[in-house]
């Protein structure tokens, strides 16, 4: 109970951050529309695992080094931007579905994606996001007290990874329910293309802002 207030603050800040549109949101929506529920959920799990990467280097203080070393932060930003452009190109090339969309289908509507690739896509999308680096930097320096034991900080990190994965798994499920699938129907590739434009915008923001 000693760290309950700190945990509640972390949970609320994280809720706002994870619900805000960004690369993670865009790629989950894209995979839900283009590949179906299974792929989107595996992507969501990969995003949750990506959180663990940020937690790991924050616990050992590397987030401070990254944030205070301009050239290193720039390198990470360019790598992230290049990866987002790669994802965006795939989304923009989406075409009409060849088969009817169903709520529980794990088959791709515009191709196929292996489970391993879905996990890696989610992991890299989150892990290469420099904005996440700044988020965890502020979290572990401004919100979490320096006197908080390492074990407690680790528990915070595990919670953030789990909460992120659960949130995006829920989003994946919601987007693949029968009503949403019927609403999207055969025009789902347009939403896929919109997500591609969003990814391009996010990539440009990483490079020029």
N, C-alpha and C. Protein backbone atom coordinates (compact mmCIF):
# COMPACT_ATOMS: atom_id res chain seq x y z
N UNK A 1 0.82 -1.21 0.00
CA UNK A 1 0.00 0.00 0.00
C UNK A 1 0.86 1.27 0.00
N UNK A 2 2.13 1.13 0.37
CA UNK A 2 3.03 2.27 0.47
C UNK A 2 3.19 2.99 -0.88
N UNK A 3 3.14 2.22 -1.98
CA UNK A 3 3.37 2.79 -3.31
C UNK A 3 2.08 2.84 -4.14
N UNK A 4 0.93 2.75 -3.47
CA UNK A 4 -0.35 2.71 -4.19
C UNK A 4 -0.60 4.02 -4.95
N UNK A 5 -0.36 5.15 -4.33
CA UNK A 5 -0.59 6.44 -4.99
C UNK A 5 0.30 6.58 -6.23
N UNK A 6 1.55 6.15 -6.09
CA UNK A 6 2.48 6.21 -7.21
C UNK A 6 2.00 5.31 -8.35
N UNK A 7 1.53 4.13 -8.01
CA UNK A 7 1.04 3.19 -9.02
C UNK A 7 -0.19 3.74 -9.73
N UNK A 8 -1.12 4.34 -8.99
CA UNK A 8 -2.33 4.90 -9.59
C UNK A 8 -1.97 6.01 -10.57
N UNK A 9 -1.01 6.84 -10.20
CA UNK A 9 -0.56 7.92 -11.09
C UNK A 9 0.02 7.34 -12.37
N UNK A 10 0.87 6.32 -12.23
CA UNK A 10 1.48 5.66 -13.39
C UNK A 10 0.41 5.06 -14.29
N UNK A 11 -0.56 4.38 -13.67
CA UNK A 11 -1.62 3.73 -14.44
C UNK A 11 -2.45 4.74 -15.22
N UNK A 12 -2.75 5.89 -14.61
CA UNK A 12 -3.56 6.91 -15.29
C UNK A 12 -2.79 7.56 -16.44
N UNK A 13 -1.51 7.88 -16.20
CA UNK A 13 -0.68 8.46 -17.25
C UNK A 13 -0.55 7.48 -18.42
N UNK A 14 -0.34 6.22 -18.10
CA UNK A 14 -0.19 5.19 -19.14
C UNK A 14 -1.49 5.03 -19.92
N UNK A 15 -2.63 5.11 -19.25
CA UNK A 15 -3.92 4.96 -19.92
C UNK A 15 -4.10 6.04 -20.99
N UNK A 16 -3.74 7.26 -20.64
CA UNK A 16 -3.83 8.37 -21.60
C UNK A 16 -2.88 8.14 -22.77
N UNK A 17 -1.66 7.71 -22.46
CA UNK A 17 -0.65 7.51 -23.50
C UNK A 17 -1.02 6.38 -24.45
N UNK A 18 -1.49 5.27 -23.92
CA UNK A 18 -1.76 4.10 -24.75
C UNK A 18 -3.01 4.30 -25.60
N UNK A 19 -3.93 5.13 -25.13
CA UNK A 19 -5.17 5.37 -25.87
C UNK A 19 -5.00 6.43 -26.97
N UNK A 20 -3.89 7.15 -26.95
CA UNK A 20 -3.64 8.18 -27.95
C UNK A 20 -3.19 7.54 -29.25
N UNK A 21 -3.71 8.03 -30.40
CA UNK A 21 -3.29 7.48 -31.70
C UNK A 21 -1.79 7.62 -31.92
N UNK A 22 -1.18 6.54 -32.36
CA UNK A 22 0.25 6.53 -32.62
C UNK A 22 0.58 5.33 -33.48
N UNK A 23 1.87 5.01 -33.64
CA UNK A 23 2.25 3.86 -34.47
C UNK A 23 1.62 2.54 -34.01
N UNK A 24 1.57 2.31 -32.70
CA UNK A 24 0.99 1.06 -32.19
C UNK A 24 -0.48 0.95 -32.59
N UNK A 25 -1.22 2.02 -32.37
CA UNK A 25 -2.64 2.05 -32.72
C UNK A 25 -2.83 1.81 -34.21
N UNK A 26 -2.04 2.50 -35.02
CA UNK A 26 -2.18 2.40 -36.47
C UNK A 26 -1.90 0.99 -36.97
N UNK A 27 -0.86 0.35 -36.43
CA UNK A 27 -0.51 -0.98 -36.93
C UNK A 27 -1.51 -2.03 -36.48
N UNK A 28 -2.09 -1.87 -35.29
CA UNK A 28 -3.10 -2.82 -34.83
C UNK A 28 -4.38 -2.70 -35.67
N UNK A 29 -4.78 -1.46 -35.95
CA UNK A 29 -5.95 -1.25 -36.81
C UNK A 29 -5.68 -1.83 -38.19
N UNK A 30 -4.50 -1.57 -38.70
CA UNK A 30 -4.14 -2.05 -40.03
C UNK A 30 -4.18 -3.58 -40.10
N UNK A 31 -3.60 -4.24 -39.11
CA UNK A 31 -3.57 -5.70 -39.12
C UNK A 31 -4.95 -6.30 -38.86
N UNK A 32 -5.76 -5.62 -38.07
CA UNK A 32 -7.13 -6.10 -37.82
C UNK A 32 -7.93 -6.11 -39.12
N UNK A 33 -7.78 -5.05 -39.88
CA UNK A 33 -8.52 -4.92 -41.14
C UNK A 33 -7.95 -5.82 -42.23
N UNK A 34 -6.63 -5.85 -42.34
CA UNK A 34 -5.99 -6.55 -43.45
C UNK A 34 -5.79 -8.04 -43.22
N UNK A 35 -5.57 -8.45 -41.97
CA UNK A 35 -5.21 -9.85 -41.71
C UNK A 35 -6.13 -10.60 -40.76
N UNK A 36 -6.98 -9.90 -40.05
CA UNK A 36 -7.91 -10.59 -39.16
C UNK A 36 -7.49 -10.60 -37.70
N UNK A 37 -8.34 -11.20 -36.87
CA UNK A 37 -8.21 -11.13 -35.42
C UNK A 37 -6.92 -11.76 -34.90
N UNK A 38 -6.59 -12.96 -35.35
CA UNK A 38 -5.43 -13.66 -34.81
C UNK A 38 -4.14 -12.86 -35.00
N UNK A 39 -3.94 -12.38 -36.22
CA UNK A 39 -2.72 -11.61 -36.51
C UNK A 39 -2.68 -10.33 -35.70
N UNK A 40 -3.82 -9.65 -35.58
CA UNK A 40 -3.88 -8.40 -34.81
C UNK A 40 -3.57 -8.65 -33.34
N UNK A 41 -4.08 -9.74 -32.78
CA UNK A 41 -3.82 -10.06 -31.37
C UNK A 41 -2.35 -10.40 -31.16
N UNK A 42 -1.76 -11.15 -32.07
CA UNK A 42 -0.33 -11.46 -31.97
C UNK A 42 0.51 -10.19 -32.10
N UNK A 43 0.09 -9.28 -32.95
CA UNK A 43 0.77 -7.99 -33.07
C UNK A 43 0.67 -7.23 -31.76
N UNK A 44 -0.50 -7.29 -31.13
CA UNK A 44 -0.72 -6.62 -29.84
C UNK A 44 0.18 -7.19 -28.76
N UNK A 45 0.34 -8.51 -28.77
CA UNK A 45 1.23 -9.15 -27.80
C UNK A 45 2.67 -8.69 -28.04
N UNK A 46 3.05 -8.56 -29.31
CA UNK A 46 4.38 -8.06 -29.64
C UNK A 46 4.59 -6.65 -29.13
N UNK A 47 3.56 -5.81 -29.22
CA UNK A 47 3.64 -4.44 -28.70
C UNK A 47 3.86 -4.46 -27.20
N UNK A 48 3.14 -5.34 -26.51
CA UNK A 48 3.32 -5.47 -25.07
C UNK A 48 4.73 -5.91 -24.71
N UNK A 49 5.29 -6.82 -25.50
CA UNK A 49 6.67 -7.27 -25.27
C UNK A 49 7.66 -6.14 -25.54
N UNK A 50 7.32 -5.27 -26.51
CA UNK A 50 8.17 -4.13 -26.80
C UNK A 50 8.29 -3.19 -25.61
N UNK A 51 7.24 -3.10 -24.82
CA UNK A 51 7.25 -2.28 -23.61
C UNK A 51 8.36 -2.75 -22.67
N UNK A 52 8.56 -4.07 -22.61
CA UNK A 52 9.58 -4.63 -21.72
C UNK A 52 10.98 -4.13 -22.09
N UNK A 53 11.20 -3.88 -23.38
CA UNK A 53 12.49 -3.34 -23.82
C UNK A 53 12.71 -1.95 -23.22
N UNK A 54 11.68 -1.11 -23.28
CA UNK A 54 11.78 0.24 -22.71
C UNK A 54 11.97 0.18 -21.20
N UNK A 55 11.25 -0.73 -20.57
CA UNK A 55 11.37 -0.90 -19.12
C UNK A 55 12.78 -1.32 -18.74
N UNK A 56 13.34 -2.25 -19.52
CA UNK A 56 14.68 -2.78 -19.22
C UNK A 56 15.73 -1.68 -19.24
N UNK A 57 15.78 -0.88 -20.31
CA UNK A 57 16.83 0.14 -20.36
C UNK A 57 16.53 1.32 -19.44
N UNK A 58 15.26 1.52 -19.10
CA UNK A 58 14.94 2.58 -18.13
C UNK A 58 15.43 2.20 -16.74
N UNK A 59 15.30 0.92 -16.40
CA UNK A 59 15.73 0.45 -15.09
C UNK A 59 17.24 0.57 -14.89
N UNK A 60 17.98 0.47 -15.98
CA UNK A 60 19.45 0.57 -15.86
C UNK A 60 19.96 1.97 -16.22
N UNK A 61 19.03 2.89 -16.49
CA UNK A 61 19.41 4.28 -16.72
C UNK A 61 19.76 4.64 -18.15
N UNK A 62 19.61 3.73 -19.11
CA UNK A 62 19.98 4.03 -20.49
C UNK A 62 19.05 5.03 -21.15
N UNK A 63 17.80 5.12 -20.65
CA UNK A 63 16.86 6.07 -21.24
C UNK A 63 17.38 7.50 -21.10
N UNK A 64 18.06 7.77 -19.97
CA UNK A 64 18.64 9.11 -19.76
C UNK A 64 19.75 9.37 -20.77
N UNK A 65 20.58 8.35 -21.01
CA UNK A 65 21.68 8.47 -21.98
C UNK A 65 21.13 8.76 -23.38
N UNK A 66 20.08 8.02 -23.77
CA UNK A 66 19.49 8.19 -25.10
C UNK A 66 18.89 9.59 -25.26
N UNK A 67 18.17 10.01 -24.23
CA UNK A 67 17.49 11.31 -24.30
C UNK A 67 18.46 12.48 -24.25
N UNK A 68 19.62 12.29 -23.64
CA UNK A 68 20.58 13.39 -23.50
C UNK A 68 21.72 13.33 -24.51
N UNK A 69 21.64 12.37 -25.43
CA UNK A 69 22.64 12.25 -26.50
C UNK A 69 21.95 12.48 -27.83
N UNK A 70 21.95 13.71 -28.33
CA UNK A 70 21.19 14.07 -29.54
C UNK A 70 21.41 13.15 -30.74
N UNK A 71 22.67 12.81 -31.03
CA UNK A 71 22.93 12.00 -32.22
C UNK A 71 22.35 10.60 -32.09
N UNK A 72 22.41 10.02 -30.88
CA UNK A 72 21.88 8.69 -30.66
C UNK A 72 20.36 8.70 -30.78
N UNK A 73 19.75 9.74 -30.23
CA UNK A 73 18.29 9.87 -30.33
C UNK A 73 17.88 10.03 -31.79
N UNK A 74 18.68 10.78 -32.56
CA UNK A 74 18.38 10.98 -33.97
C UNK A 74 18.47 9.66 -34.75
N UNK A 75 19.49 8.87 -34.44
CA UNK A 75 19.66 7.58 -35.12
C UNK A 75 18.44 6.71 -34.87
N UNK A 76 18.00 6.64 -33.62
CA UNK A 76 16.83 5.84 -33.29
C UNK A 76 15.59 6.38 -34.01
N UNK A 77 15.48 7.71 -34.08
CA UNK A 77 14.34 8.33 -34.76
C UNK A 77 14.32 7.96 -36.24
N UNK A 78 15.48 8.01 -36.89
CA UNK A 78 15.55 7.68 -38.31
C UNK A 78 15.24 6.20 -38.57
N UNK A 79 15.74 5.34 -37.70
CA UNK A 79 15.43 3.91 -37.84
C UNK A 79 13.94 3.67 -37.69
N UNK A 80 13.34 4.32 -36.70
CA UNK A 80 11.90 4.17 -36.47
C UNK A 80 11.11 4.71 -37.66
N UNK A 81 11.53 5.86 -38.19
CA UNK A 81 10.84 6.46 -39.33
C UNK A 81 10.91 5.55 -40.55
N UNK A 82 12.08 4.97 -40.79
CA UNK A 82 12.25 4.07 -41.93
C UNK A 82 11.35 2.85 -41.80
N UNK A 83 11.24 2.33 -40.59
CA UNK A 83 10.39 1.16 -40.38
C UNK A 83 8.92 1.51 -40.57
N UNK A 84 8.50 2.69 -40.09
CA UNK A 84 7.12 3.12 -40.26
C UNK A 84 6.79 3.33 -41.75
N UNK A 85 7.74 3.86 -42.51
CA UNK A 85 7.53 4.03 -43.95
C UNK A 85 7.35 2.66 -44.61
N UNK A 86 8.16 1.70 -44.20
CA UNK A 86 8.04 0.33 -44.73
C UNK A 86 6.65 -0.23 -44.46
N UNK A 87 6.15 -0.04 -43.25
CA UNK A 87 4.81 -0.52 -42.91
C UNK A 87 3.74 0.25 -43.69
N UNK A 88 3.96 1.55 -43.86
CA UNK A 88 2.99 2.40 -44.56
C UNK A 88 2.85 1.98 -46.02
N UNK A 89 3.97 1.66 -46.66
CA UNK A 89 3.94 1.25 -48.07
C UNK A 89 3.07 0.00 -48.23
N UNK A 90 3.23 -0.95 -47.31
CA UNK A 90 2.41 -2.16 -47.37
C UNK A 90 0.93 -1.84 -47.21
N UNK A 91 0.61 -0.90 -46.32
CA UNK A 91 -0.78 -0.53 -46.09
C UNK A 91 -1.37 0.20 -47.30
N UNK A 92 -0.60 1.08 -47.90
CA UNK A 92 -1.07 1.86 -49.05
C UNK A 92 -1.29 1.00 -50.29
N UNK A 93 -0.65 -0.14 -50.34
CA UNK A 93 -0.79 -1.04 -51.48
C UNK A 93 -1.97 -1.99 -51.33
N UNK A 94 -2.71 -1.87 -50.24
CA UNK A 94 -3.85 -2.75 -50.00
C UNK A 94 -4.91 -2.57 -51.08
N UNK A 95 -5.55 -3.69 -51.43
CA UNK A 95 -6.62 -3.65 -52.43
C UNK A 95 -7.88 -4.27 -51.89
N UNK A 96 -8.92 -4.35 -52.69
CA UNK A 96 -10.19 -4.94 -52.25
C UNK A 96 -10.01 -6.38 -51.78
N UNK A 97 -10.79 -6.77 -50.79
CA UNK A 97 -10.73 -8.14 -50.27
C UNK A 97 -11.23 -9.12 -51.32
N UNK A 98 -10.58 -10.27 -51.38
CA UNK A 98 -10.98 -11.29 -52.34
C UNK A 98 -12.05 -12.21 -51.79
N UNK A 99 -12.16 -12.26 -50.45
CA UNK A 99 -13.16 -13.10 -49.80
C UNK A 99 -13.93 -12.27 -48.81
N UNK A 100 -15.16 -12.68 -48.48
CA UNK A 100 -15.96 -11.94 -47.52
C UNK A 100 -15.27 -11.85 -46.17
N UNK A 101 -15.45 -10.74 -45.47
CA UNK A 101 -14.87 -10.53 -44.16
C UNK A 101 -15.73 -11.20 -43.11
N UNK A 102 -15.11 -11.99 -42.24
CA UNK A 102 -15.83 -12.60 -41.13
C UNK A 102 -15.21 -12.18 -39.83
N UNK A 103 -16.00 -12.24 -38.75
CA UNK A 103 -15.54 -11.71 -37.47
C UNK A 103 -14.46 -12.54 -36.83
N UNK A 104 -14.38 -13.82 -37.13
CA UNK A 104 -13.42 -14.69 -36.45
C UNK A 104 -12.33 -15.19 -37.40
N UNK A 105 -12.35 -14.68 -38.58
CA UNK A 105 -11.36 -15.15 -39.56
C UNK A 105 -9.96 -14.79 -39.15
N UNK A 106 -9.05 -15.75 -39.24
CA UNK A 106 -7.64 -15.47 -38.99
C UNK A 106 -6.88 -15.40 -40.30
N UNK A 107 -7.62 -15.49 -41.43
CA UNK A 107 -7.00 -15.42 -42.73
C UNK A 107 -6.88 -13.98 -43.18
N UNK A 108 -5.86 -13.71 -43.94
CA UNK A 108 -5.65 -12.37 -44.46
C UNK A 108 -6.67 -12.04 -45.52
N UNK A 109 -7.08 -10.77 -45.56
CA UNK A 109 -7.96 -10.30 -46.61
C UNK A 109 -7.14 -9.71 -47.74
N UNK A 110 -5.85 -9.49 -47.53
CA UNK A 110 -5.02 -8.90 -48.58
C UNK A 110 -3.66 -9.60 -48.64
N UNK A 111 -3.62 -10.84 -48.19
CA UNK A 111 -2.37 -11.58 -48.16
C UNK A 111 -2.32 -12.43 -46.92
N UNK A 112 -1.12 -12.79 -46.48
CA UNK A 112 -0.97 -13.59 -45.28
C UNK A 112 0.23 -13.10 -44.48
N UNK A 113 0.20 -13.37 -43.19
CA UNK A 113 1.30 -12.99 -42.31
C UNK A 113 1.49 -14.09 -41.29
N UNK A 114 2.73 -14.53 -41.11
CA UNK A 114 3.01 -15.58 -40.14
C UNK A 114 2.87 -15.04 -38.72
N UNK A 115 2.68 -15.95 -37.78
CA UNK A 115 2.56 -15.56 -36.37
C UNK A 115 3.84 -14.86 -35.91
N UNK A 116 4.98 -15.41 -36.31
CA UNK A 116 6.27 -14.83 -35.90
C UNK A 116 6.43 -13.41 -36.43
N UNK A 117 6.05 -13.20 -37.68
CA UNK A 117 6.18 -11.87 -38.26
C UNK A 117 5.24 -10.88 -37.57
N UNK A 118 4.04 -11.33 -37.23
CA UNK A 118 3.09 -10.46 -36.54
C UNK A 118 3.66 -10.02 -35.18
N UNK A 119 4.23 -10.97 -34.45
CA UNK A 119 4.85 -10.64 -33.15
C UNK A 119 6.00 -9.65 -33.32
N UNK A 120 6.86 -9.91 -34.30
CA UNK A 120 8.02 -9.04 -34.52
C UNK A 120 7.59 -7.65 -34.98
N UNK A 121 6.54 -7.58 -35.79
CA UNK A 121 6.06 -6.28 -36.26
C UNK A 121 5.60 -5.44 -35.08
N UNK A 122 4.83 -6.06 -34.18
CA UNK A 122 4.38 -5.34 -33.00
C UNK A 122 5.53 -4.93 -32.10
N UNK A 123 6.48 -5.85 -31.90
CA UNK A 123 7.63 -5.58 -31.04
C UNK A 123 8.47 -4.43 -31.59
N UNK A 124 8.77 -4.48 -32.88
CA UNK A 124 9.62 -3.45 -33.49
C UNK A 124 8.91 -2.10 -33.57
N UNK A 125 7.60 -2.12 -33.84
CA UNK A 125 6.85 -0.87 -33.93
C UNK A 125 6.92 -0.12 -32.61
N UNK A 126 6.78 -0.83 -31.51
CA UNK A 126 6.86 -0.18 -30.21
C UNK A 126 8.30 0.03 -29.76
N UNK A 127 9.13 -0.99 -29.96
CA UNK A 127 10.51 -0.91 -29.47
C UNK A 127 11.34 0.17 -30.13
N UNK A 128 11.05 0.49 -31.41
CA UNK A 128 11.81 1.50 -32.12
C UNK A 128 11.21 2.90 -32.01
N UNK A 129 10.14 3.03 -31.24
CA UNK A 129 9.47 4.32 -31.12
C UNK A 129 10.20 5.22 -30.11
N UNK A 130 10.91 6.27 -30.57
CA UNK A 130 11.64 7.13 -29.64
C UNK A 130 10.73 7.92 -28.71
N UNK A 131 9.47 8.11 -29.13
CA UNK A 131 8.51 8.80 -28.25
C UNK A 131 8.25 7.95 -27.00
N UNK A 132 8.30 6.64 -27.17
CA UNK A 132 8.14 5.75 -26.02
C UNK A 132 9.33 5.89 -25.09
N UNK A 133 10.52 6.12 -25.67
CA UNK A 133 11.72 6.35 -24.87
C UNK A 133 11.53 7.56 -23.96
N UNK A 134 11.03 8.65 -24.55
CA UNK A 134 10.80 9.87 -23.76
C UNK A 134 9.72 9.65 -22.71
N UNK A 135 8.70 8.86 -23.06
CA UNK A 135 7.63 8.58 -22.10
C UNK A 135 8.19 7.85 -20.88
N UNK A 136 9.00 6.83 -21.13
CA UNK A 136 9.55 6.07 -20.01
C UNK A 136 10.62 6.86 -19.26
N UNK A 137 11.31 7.73 -19.96
CA UNK A 137 12.26 8.61 -19.29
C UNK A 137 11.54 9.50 -18.28
N UNK A 138 10.44 10.13 -18.72
CA UNK A 138 9.68 10.99 -17.81
C UNK A 138 9.05 10.17 -16.69
N UNK A 139 8.63 8.96 -17.02
CA UNK A 139 7.99 8.10 -16.03
C UNK A 139 8.95 7.72 -14.92
N UNK A 140 10.17 7.30 -15.31
CA UNK A 140 11.13 6.80 -14.34
C UNK A 140 11.97 7.90 -13.68
N UNK A 141 11.78 9.13 -14.12
CA UNK A 141 12.52 10.23 -13.49
C UNK A 141 11.62 11.24 -12.79
N UNK A 142 10.46 11.51 -13.37
CA UNK A 142 9.58 12.55 -12.82
C UNK A 142 8.44 12.00 -11.97
N UNK A 143 7.98 10.80 -12.27
CA UNK A 143 6.82 10.25 -11.56
C UNK A 143 7.23 9.22 -10.52
N UNK A 144 8.10 8.30 -10.91
CA UNK A 144 8.54 7.26 -9.98
C UNK A 144 9.67 7.83 -9.12
N UNK A 145 9.49 7.78 -7.83
CA UNK A 145 10.49 8.32 -6.90
C UNK A 145 11.79 7.55 -7.00
N UNK A 146 12.90 8.28 -6.91
CA UNK A 146 14.21 7.64 -7.01
C UNK A 146 14.44 6.63 -5.90
N UNK A 147 13.74 6.81 -4.78
CA UNK A 147 13.90 5.90 -3.64
C UNK A 147 13.05 4.64 -3.76
N UNK A 148 12.20 4.58 -4.78
CA UNK A 148 11.37 3.38 -4.97
C UNK A 148 12.26 2.17 -5.25
N UNK A 149 12.08 1.09 -4.52
CA UNK A 149 12.93 -0.10 -4.71
C UNK A 149 12.89 -0.63 -6.14
N UNK A 150 13.98 -1.24 -6.54
CA UNK A 150 14.10 -1.80 -7.88
C UNK A 150 12.98 -2.81 -8.16
N UNK A 151 12.69 -3.65 -7.17
CA UNK A 151 11.65 -4.66 -7.34
C UNK A 151 10.29 -4.05 -7.62
N UNK A 152 9.98 -2.94 -6.97
CA UNK A 152 8.71 -2.26 -7.18
C UNK A 152 8.67 -1.65 -8.58
N UNK A 153 9.79 -1.05 -9.00
CA UNK A 153 9.87 -0.48 -10.34
C UNK A 153 9.68 -1.57 -11.40
N UNK A 154 10.24 -2.74 -11.13
CA UNK A 154 10.10 -3.86 -12.05
C UNK A 154 8.63 -4.27 -12.16
N UNK A 155 7.93 -4.29 -11.04
CA UNK A 155 6.52 -4.63 -11.04
C UNK A 155 5.72 -3.59 -11.83
N UNK A 156 6.08 -2.32 -11.69
CA UNK A 156 5.44 -1.27 -12.49
C UNK A 156 5.61 -1.57 -13.97
N UNK A 157 6.84 -1.91 -14.34
CA UNK A 157 7.14 -2.18 -15.74
C UNK A 157 6.36 -3.37 -16.28
N UNK A 158 6.27 -4.42 -15.49
CA UNK A 158 5.51 -5.61 -15.92
C UNK A 158 4.03 -5.26 -16.09
N UNK A 159 3.53 -4.42 -15.19
CA UNK A 159 2.14 -3.99 -15.32
C UNK A 159 1.93 -3.21 -16.62
N UNK A 160 2.84 -2.29 -16.93
CA UNK A 160 2.71 -1.47 -18.13
C UNK A 160 2.73 -2.34 -19.39
N UNK A 161 3.59 -3.35 -19.41
CA UNK A 161 3.66 -4.26 -20.56
C UNK A 161 2.36 -5.05 -20.68
N UNK A 162 1.86 -5.57 -19.56
CA UNK A 162 0.63 -6.36 -19.57
C UNK A 162 -0.56 -5.50 -19.96
N UNK A 163 -0.66 -4.31 -19.37
CA UNK A 163 -1.78 -3.42 -19.65
C UNK A 163 -1.79 -3.00 -21.11
N UNK A 164 -0.61 -2.74 -21.67
CA UNK A 164 -0.53 -2.35 -23.08
C UNK A 164 -0.99 -3.48 -23.98
N UNK A 165 -0.48 -4.69 -23.71
CA UNK A 165 -0.88 -5.84 -24.51
C UNK A 165 -2.37 -6.12 -24.43
N UNK A 166 -2.93 -6.04 -23.22
CA UNK A 166 -4.36 -6.29 -23.03
C UNK A 166 -5.19 -5.24 -23.77
N UNK A 167 -4.79 -3.97 -23.68
CA UNK A 167 -5.52 -2.90 -24.35
C UNK A 167 -5.59 -3.13 -25.86
N UNK A 168 -4.46 -3.46 -26.46
CA UNK A 168 -4.44 -3.64 -27.91
C UNK A 168 -5.08 -4.96 -28.33
N UNK A 169 -5.02 -5.97 -27.48
CA UNK A 169 -5.75 -7.21 -27.76
C UNK A 169 -7.26 -6.94 -27.76
N UNK A 170 -7.70 -6.12 -26.80
CA UNK A 170 -9.12 -5.74 -26.74
C UNK A 170 -9.51 -4.97 -28.00
N UNK A 171 -8.64 -4.05 -28.43
CA UNK A 171 -8.90 -3.29 -29.64
C UNK A 171 -8.97 -4.22 -30.85
N UNK A 172 -8.08 -5.20 -30.90
CA UNK A 172 -8.08 -6.17 -31.99
C UNK A 172 -9.38 -6.95 -32.02
N UNK A 173 -9.84 -7.38 -30.84
CA UNK A 173 -11.09 -8.13 -30.75
C UNK A 173 -12.27 -7.27 -31.18
N UNK A 174 -12.27 -6.01 -30.72
CA UNK A 174 -13.37 -5.10 -31.03
C UNK A 174 -13.47 -4.86 -32.53
N UNK A 175 -12.32 -4.67 -33.17
CA UNK A 175 -12.31 -4.38 -34.60
C UNK A 175 -12.70 -5.58 -35.45
N UNK A 176 -12.64 -6.78 -34.86
CA UNK A 176 -12.95 -7.98 -35.64
C UNK A 176 -14.27 -8.63 -35.24
N UNK A 177 -15.08 -7.92 -34.44
CA UNK A 177 -16.42 -8.44 -34.11
C UNK A 177 -17.30 -8.35 -35.35
N UNK A 178 -18.39 -9.09 -35.35
CA UNK A 178 -19.23 -9.19 -36.54
C UNK A 178 -19.76 -7.84 -37.01
N UNK A 179 -20.22 -6.99 -36.08
CA UNK A 179 -20.80 -5.71 -36.47
C UNK A 179 -19.76 -4.80 -37.11
N UNK A 180 -18.56 -4.75 -36.50
CA UNK A 180 -17.51 -3.91 -37.06
C UNK A 180 -17.04 -4.46 -38.40
N UNK A 181 -16.91 -5.79 -38.48
CA UNK A 181 -16.48 -6.41 -39.73
C UNK A 181 -17.48 -6.14 -40.85
N UNK A 182 -18.76 -6.21 -40.53
CA UNK A 182 -19.79 -5.94 -41.52
C UNK A 182 -19.78 -4.48 -41.94
N UNK A 183 -19.51 -3.60 -40.97
CA UNK A 183 -19.43 -2.17 -41.27
C UNK A 183 -18.29 -1.88 -42.23
N UNK A 184 -17.16 -2.53 -41.97
CA UNK A 184 -16.00 -2.34 -42.84
C UNK A 184 -16.23 -3.00 -44.20
N UNK A 185 -16.71 -4.25 -44.13
CA UNK A 185 -17.04 -4.97 -45.35
C UNK A 185 -15.95 -4.99 -46.38
N UNK A 186 -16.35 -4.89 -47.63
CA UNK A 186 -15.40 -4.95 -48.73
C UNK A 186 -14.61 -3.66 -48.93
N UNK A 187 -14.93 -2.62 -48.18
CA UNK A 187 -14.23 -1.34 -48.31
C UNK A 187 -13.17 -1.17 -47.21
N UNK A 188 -12.87 -2.25 -46.53
CA UNK A 188 -11.89 -2.17 -45.44
C UNK A 188 -10.51 -1.72 -45.88
N UNK A 189 -10.18 -1.97 -47.15
CA UNK A 189 -8.85 -1.58 -47.62
C UNK A 189 -8.66 -0.07 -47.60
N UNK A 190 -9.77 0.69 -47.64
CA UNK A 190 -9.65 2.14 -47.54
C UNK A 190 -9.18 2.56 -46.15
N UNK A 191 -9.69 1.87 -45.13
CA UNK A 191 -9.22 2.13 -43.77
C UNK A 191 -7.76 1.74 -43.66
N UNK A 192 -7.40 0.65 -44.31
CA UNK A 192 -6.01 0.20 -44.33
C UNK A 192 -5.12 1.30 -44.93
N UNK A 193 -5.59 1.90 -46.01
CA UNK A 193 -4.82 2.96 -46.67
C UNK A 193 -4.74 4.22 -45.80
N UNK A 194 -5.83 4.50 -45.08
CA UNK A 194 -5.81 5.63 -44.16
C UNK A 194 -4.74 5.43 -43.08
N UNK A 195 -4.66 4.18 -42.57
CA UNK A 195 -3.63 3.87 -41.58
C UNK A 195 -2.23 4.01 -42.19
N UNK A 196 -2.12 3.72 -43.49
CA UNK A 196 -0.84 3.91 -44.17
C UNK A 196 -0.44 5.37 -44.21
N UNK A 197 -1.40 6.24 -44.51
CA UNK A 197 -1.14 7.69 -44.52
C UNK A 197 -0.74 8.16 -43.11
N UNK A 198 -1.45 7.64 -42.09
CA UNK A 198 -1.14 8.00 -40.70
C UNK A 198 0.29 7.58 -40.35
N UNK A 199 0.69 6.39 -40.76
CA UNK A 199 2.05 5.91 -40.49
C UNK A 199 3.09 6.79 -41.18
N UNK A 200 2.78 7.23 -42.41
CA UNK A 200 3.70 8.14 -43.11
C UNK A 200 3.82 9.46 -42.36
N UNK A 201 2.69 9.95 -41.86
CA UNK A 201 2.70 11.19 -41.10
C UNK A 201 3.51 11.08 -39.83
N UNK A 202 3.38 9.95 -39.16
CA UNK A 202 4.15 9.72 -37.94
C UNK A 202 5.63 9.60 -38.23
N UNK A 203 5.97 8.97 -39.37
CA UNK A 203 7.37 8.86 -39.77
C UNK A 203 7.96 10.24 -40.05
N UNK A 204 7.19 11.07 -40.76
CA UNK A 204 7.65 12.42 -41.07
C UNK A 204 7.84 13.24 -39.79
N UNK A 205 6.95 13.05 -38.85
CA UNK A 205 7.04 13.78 -37.58
C UNK A 205 8.30 13.40 -36.82
N UNK A 206 8.69 12.14 -36.87
CA UNK A 206 9.89 11.68 -36.20
C UNK A 206 11.14 12.32 -36.80
N UNK A 207 11.13 12.55 -38.10
CA UNK A 207 12.31 13.06 -38.79
C UNK A 207 12.41 14.58 -38.71
N UNK A 208 11.28 15.26 -38.84
CA UNK A 208 11.34 16.72 -38.99
C UNK A 208 10.96 17.52 -37.75
N UNK A 209 10.39 16.85 -36.74
CA UNK A 209 10.02 17.61 -35.53
C UNK A 209 11.11 17.52 -34.50
